Amino acid sequence: MSFFLQDIKFSCGEKLFIIMYLPILADLTLWIGLGVLVIFILGVIAIYNSLVALKNKFKNAFAQIDVQLKRRYDLIPNLVETVKGYMAHERETLDAVIQARSAATSAREGAAANPGDPQSMGALMAAEEGLGGALGKLFALSEGYPDLKANQNVSSLMEELKTTENKIAFARQHYNDSVMAYNNKREMFPSSIIAGMFNFSEASMFEIGAAEREEVTNPVKVAF
């Protein structure tokens, strides 16, 4: 019987202990919960800010491309105006270059308004492909007009165009590297959850087609 009473007294003491310390335990649980919540919120903020920073980085990188593309497009009408006196019989080719330049200018404006957008970047890449093909045809035909090589204006324009193409290539590589860093971040866990919550959509790279790649990698064909 004594053992039974001791057990009863112990159980009552345990209950008394729990009653006395229950508010403290409740407060401790509350503080732990608040701590976890604060850490979670800080983590979300950190991931969100990193995604914003990476997004701004590739937008800034595209702005550098935009400057050089605009410069390139500004040079083309001057080039066409200069060579048409020598290539009067190539009117169709010259018109094709001007039309392709106009399409590329419109596409550039669309991409500049929303860098990384797949639709806008796709339109720009298609326009650049068309412009590269038109210019490539013009350059090939110009080889049949030796007098062009002696024209200092044409030579100067072609040198500026070549320099601009090189700057575009460097700017494009920087942009693509920035896009890759952003896309990798948004696809990795747990960043992918935050990216989905706040609509951080995938960014599109700026890749060149075969015609433009030929123009960039083999500038010696444009020999003025």
Protein backbone atom coordinates (compact mmCIF):
# COMPACT_ATOMS: atom_id res chain seq x y z
CA MET A 1 0.00 0.00 0.00
CA SER A 2 2.87 2.37 0.85
CA PHE A 3 4.35 1.91 -2.57
CA PHE A 4 0.98 2.66 -4.12
CA LEU A 5 0.67 5.88 -2.09
CA GLN A 6 4.16 6.89 -3.04
CA ASP A 7 3.21 6.38 -6.66
CA ILE A 8 0.12 8.52 -6.16
CA LYS A 9 2.11 11.27 -4.47
CA PHE A 10 4.72 11.17 -7.28
CA SER A 11 2.08 11.43 -9.96
CA CYS A 12 0.52 14.39 -8.19
CA GLY A 13 3.91 16.06 -7.87
CA GLU A 14 4.56 15.52 -11.55
CA LYS A 15 1.24 17.07 -12.36
CA LEU A 16 2.01 19.99 -10.06
CA PHE A 17 5.38 20.44 -11.79
CA ILE A 18 3.74 20.49 -15.19
CA ILE A 19 1.11 22.96 -14.05
CA MET A 20 3.77 25.26 -12.59
CA TYR A 21 6.02 25.21 -15.60
CA LEU A 22 3.41 24.93 -18.39
CA PRO A 23 3.37 28.74 -19.03
CA ILE A 24 7.14 28.74 -19.29
CA LEU A 25 7.09 25.81 -21.73
CA ALA A 26 4.38 27.54 -23.73
CA ASP A 27 6.43 30.73 -23.92
CA LEU A 28 9.51 28.76 -24.92
CA THR A 29 7.59 26.98 -27.68
CA LEU A 30 6.23 30.32 -28.87
CA TRP A 31 9.72 31.85 -29.02
CA ILE A 32 11.09 28.85 -30.86
CA GLY A 33 8.23 29.08 -33.34
CA LEU A 34 8.82 32.80 -33.83
CA GLY A 35 12.54 32.16 -34.31
CA VAL A 36 11.86 29.56 -36.99
CA LEU A 37 9.41 31.93 -38.69
CA VAL A 38 11.92 34.80 -38.64
CA ILE A 39 14.63 32.55 -40.12
CA PHE A 40 12.19 31.39 -42.81
CA ILE A 41 11.20 34.97 -43.71
CA LEU A 42 14.83 36.09 -43.81
CA GLY A 43 15.65 33.14 -46.07
CA VAL A 44 12.81 34.04 -48.43
CA ILE A 45 13.95 37.66 -48.53
CA ALA A 46 17.54 36.64 -49.22
CA ILE A 47 16.55 34.34 -52.09
CA TYR A 48 14.15 36.90 -53.52
CA ASN A 49 16.79 39.63 -53.43
CA SER A 50 19.37 37.37 -55.08
CA LEU A 51 16.93 36.59 -57.91
CA VAL A 52 16.22 40.29 -58.37
CA ALA A 53 19.95 41.06 -58.45
CA LEU A 54 20.61 38.37 -61.06
CA LYS A 55 17.66 39.55 -63.13
CA ASN A 56 18.90 43.14 -63.04
CA LYS A 57 22.37 41.93 -64.00
CA PHE A 58 21.25 40.28 -67.23
CA LYS A 59 19.02 43.26 -68.03
CA ASN A 60 22.00 45.55 -67.67
CA ALA A 61 24.05 43.17 -69.82
CA PHE A 62 21.41 43.37 -72.55
CA ALA A 63 21.51 47.16 -72.34
CA GLN A 64 25.15 46.94 -73.45
CA ILE A 65 24.11 44.80 -76.42
CA ASP A 66 21.37 47.28 -77.23
CA VAL A 67 23.86 50.16 -77.45
CA GLN A 68 26.03 48.27 -79.91
CA LEU A 69 23.10 46.97 -81.97
CA LYS A 70 21.80 50.52 -82.35
CA ARG A 71 25.26 51.62 -83.45
CA ARG A 72 25.37 48.79 -85.99
CA TYR A 73 21.95 49.63 -87.37
CA ASP A 74 22.93 53.29 -87.69
CA LEU A 75 25.97 52.36 -89.79
CA ILE A 76 24.08 50.22 -92.30
CA PRO A 77 22.11 52.99 -94.09
CA ASN A 78 25.33 54.97 -94.52
CA LEU A 79 27.03 51.91 -95.96
CA VAL A 80 24.19 51.21 -98.37
CA GLU A 81 24.06 54.85 -99.44
CA THR A 82 27.79 54.79 -100.15
CA VAL A 83 27.95 51.53 -102.09
CA LYS A 84 24.80 51.97 -104.16
CA GLY A 85 26.64 54.34 -106.49
CA TYR A 86 28.91 51.44 -107.42
CA MET A 87 26.26 48.71 -107.28
CA ALA A 88 23.40 50.30 -109.18
CA HIS A 89 22.46 46.92 -110.68
CA GLU A 90 22.13 45.31 -107.24
CA ARG A 91 19.08 47.30 -106.18
CA GLU A 92 17.23 44.22 -104.96
CA THR A 93 20.10 43.26 -102.65
CA LEU A 94 20.41 46.79 -101.29
CA ASP A 95 16.67 46.98 -100.65
CA ALA A 96 16.81 43.62 -98.86
CA VAL A 97 19.49 44.97 -96.53
CA ILE A 98 17.44 48.07 -95.69
CA GLN A 99 14.30 46.00 -95.07
CA ALA A 100 16.20 43.54 -92.89
CA ARG A 101 17.71 46.44 -90.97
CA SER A 102 14.25 47.93 -90.39
CA ALA A 103 12.92 44.59 -89.11
CA ALA A 104 15.93 44.20 -86.82
CA THR A 105 15.46 47.72 -85.45
CA SER A 106 11.85 46.96 -84.51
CA ALA A 107 12.85 43.65 -82.94
CA ARG A 108 15.62 45.37 -80.98
CA GLU A 109 13.15 47.85 -79.53
CA GLY A 110 10.87 45.01 -78.47
CA ALA A 111 13.70 43.09 -76.81
CA ALA A 112 15.03 46.22 -75.09
CA ALA A 113 11.59 46.79 -73.56
CA ASN A 114 11.58 43.28 -72.10
CA PRO A 115 15.08 41.72 -71.99
CA GLY A 116 15.14 37.97 -71.64
CA ASP A 117 11.53 37.48 -72.73
CA PRO A 118 11.52 34.36 -74.95
CA GLN A 119 9.15 35.83 -77.53
CA SER A 120 10.99 39.15 -77.81
CA MET A 121 14.41 37.52 -77.88
CA GLY A 122 13.21 35.01 -80.46
CA ALA A 123 12.02 37.84 -82.70
CA LEU A 124 15.36 39.62 -82.32
CA MET A 125 17.36 36.50 -83.11
CA ALA A 126 15.23 35.86 -86.21
CA ALA A 127 15.65 39.48 -87.34
CA GLU A 128 19.40 39.34 -86.75
CA GLU A 129 19.55 36.12 -88.76
CA GLY A 130 17.78 37.85 -91.64
CA LEU A 131 20.02 40.91 -91.44
CA GLY A 132 23.15 38.78 -91.30
CA GLY A 133 22.05 36.92 -94.41
CA ALA A 134 21.28 40.13 -96.31
CA LEU A 135 24.60 41.70 -95.36
CA GLY A 136 26.45 38.51 -96.25
CA LYS A 137 24.95 38.60 -99.73
CA LEU A 138 25.87 42.28 -100.11
CA PHE A 139 29.45 41.61 -99.04
CA ALA A 140 29.77 38.69 -101.43
CA LEU A 141 28.47 40.73 -104.38
CA SER A 142 30.72 43.65 -103.50
CA GLU A 143 33.75 41.51 -104.29
CA GLY A 144 32.87 41.98 -107.95
CA TYR A 145 33.31 45.78 -107.69
CA PRO A 146 37.04 46.53 -107.28
CA ASP A 147 36.44 50.30 -107.22
CA LEU A 148 34.74 49.91 -103.85
CA LYS A 149 38.01 48.84 -102.25
CA ALA A 150 39.53 52.19 -103.12
CA ASN A 151 36.70 54.17 -101.53
CA GLN A 152 37.86 55.55 -98.19
CA ASN A 153 34.32 56.13 -96.92
CA VAL A 154 33.39 52.51 -97.50
CA SER A 155 36.63 51.33 -95.92
CA SER A 156 35.99 53.49 -92.85
CA LEU A 157 32.39 52.30 -92.52
CA MET A 158 33.41 48.68 -92.82
CA GLU A 159 36.07 49.11 -90.14
CA GLU A 160 33.49 50.66 -87.80
CA LEU A 161 31.05 47.86 -88.59
CA LYS A 162 33.68 45.23 -87.87
CA THR A 163 34.59 46.89 -84.55
CA THR A 164 30.92 47.09 -83.60
CA GLU A 165 30.39 43.41 -84.43
CA ASN A 166 33.24 42.49 -82.09
CA LYS A 167 31.72 44.58 -79.29
CA ILE A 168 28.35 42.93 -79.85
CA ALA A 169 29.98 39.50 -79.59
CA PHE A 170 31.61 40.35 -76.24
CA ALA A 171 28.41 41.94 -74.91
CA ARG A 172 26.36 38.94 -76.05
CA GLN A 173 28.67 36.54 -74.21
CA HIS A 174 28.36 38.58 -71.01
CA TYR A 175 24.58 38.65 -71.39
CA ASN A 176 24.35 34.90 -71.97
CA ASP A 177 26.56 34.21 -68.94
CA SER A 178 24.31 36.45 -66.82
CA VAL A 179 21.17 34.71 -68.11
CA MET A 180 22.64 31.30 -67.32
CA ALA A 181 23.44 32.36 -63.75
CA TYR A 182 19.89 33.67 -63.30
CA ASN A 183 18.24 30.58 -64.81
CA ASN A 184 20.40 28.24 -62.72
CA LYS A 185 19.44 30.14 -59.56
CA ARG A 186 15.71 30.05 -60.30
CA GLU A 187 15.80 26.32 -61.05
CA MET A 188 17.70 25.24 -57.94
CA PHE A 189 15.94 24.26 -54.71
CA PRO A 190 14.80 26.11 -52.65
CA SER A 191 15.11 29.12 -55.00
CA SER A 192 12.76 27.39 -57.44
CA ILE A 193 9.93 27.67 -54.88
CA ILE A 194 10.47 31.41 -54.40
CA ALA A 195 10.86 31.91 -58.15
CA GLY A 196 7.51 30.22 -58.71
CA MET A 197 5.81 32.22 -55.95
CA PHE A 198 6.97 35.56 -57.35
CA ASN A 199 6.80 34.75 -61.07
CA PHE A 200 10.50 34.84 -61.91
CA SER A 201 10.15 33.40 -65.39
CA GLU A 202 12.94 31.79 -67.40
CA ALA A 203 15.10 34.20 -69.40
CA SER A 204 16.12 33.51 -72.99
CA MET A 205 19.69 33.70 -74.24
CA PHE A 206 20.75 35.70 -77.28
CA GLU A 207 22.14 33.19 -79.74
CA ILE A 208 23.25 33.91 -83.29
CA GLY A 209 22.34 32.00 -86.41
CA ALA A 210 24.63 30.50 -89.02
CA ALA A 211 24.58 33.56 -91.30
CA GLU A 212 25.54 35.99 -88.56
CA ARG A 213 28.09 33.58 -87.10
CA GLU A 214 29.77 33.40 -90.50
CA GLU A 215 29.80 37.18 -90.68
CA VAL A 216 31.39 37.50 -87.23
CA THR A 217 33.91 34.67 -87.45
CA ASN A 218 35.05 35.45 -90.99
CA PRO A 219 35.21 39.23 -91.28
CA VAL A 220 38.03 38.96 -93.81
CA LYS A 221 35.42 38.34 -96.47
CA VAL A 222 34.46 41.97 -96.13
CA ALA A 223 37.62 43.26 -97.73
CA PHE A 224 37.43 46.94 -98.59
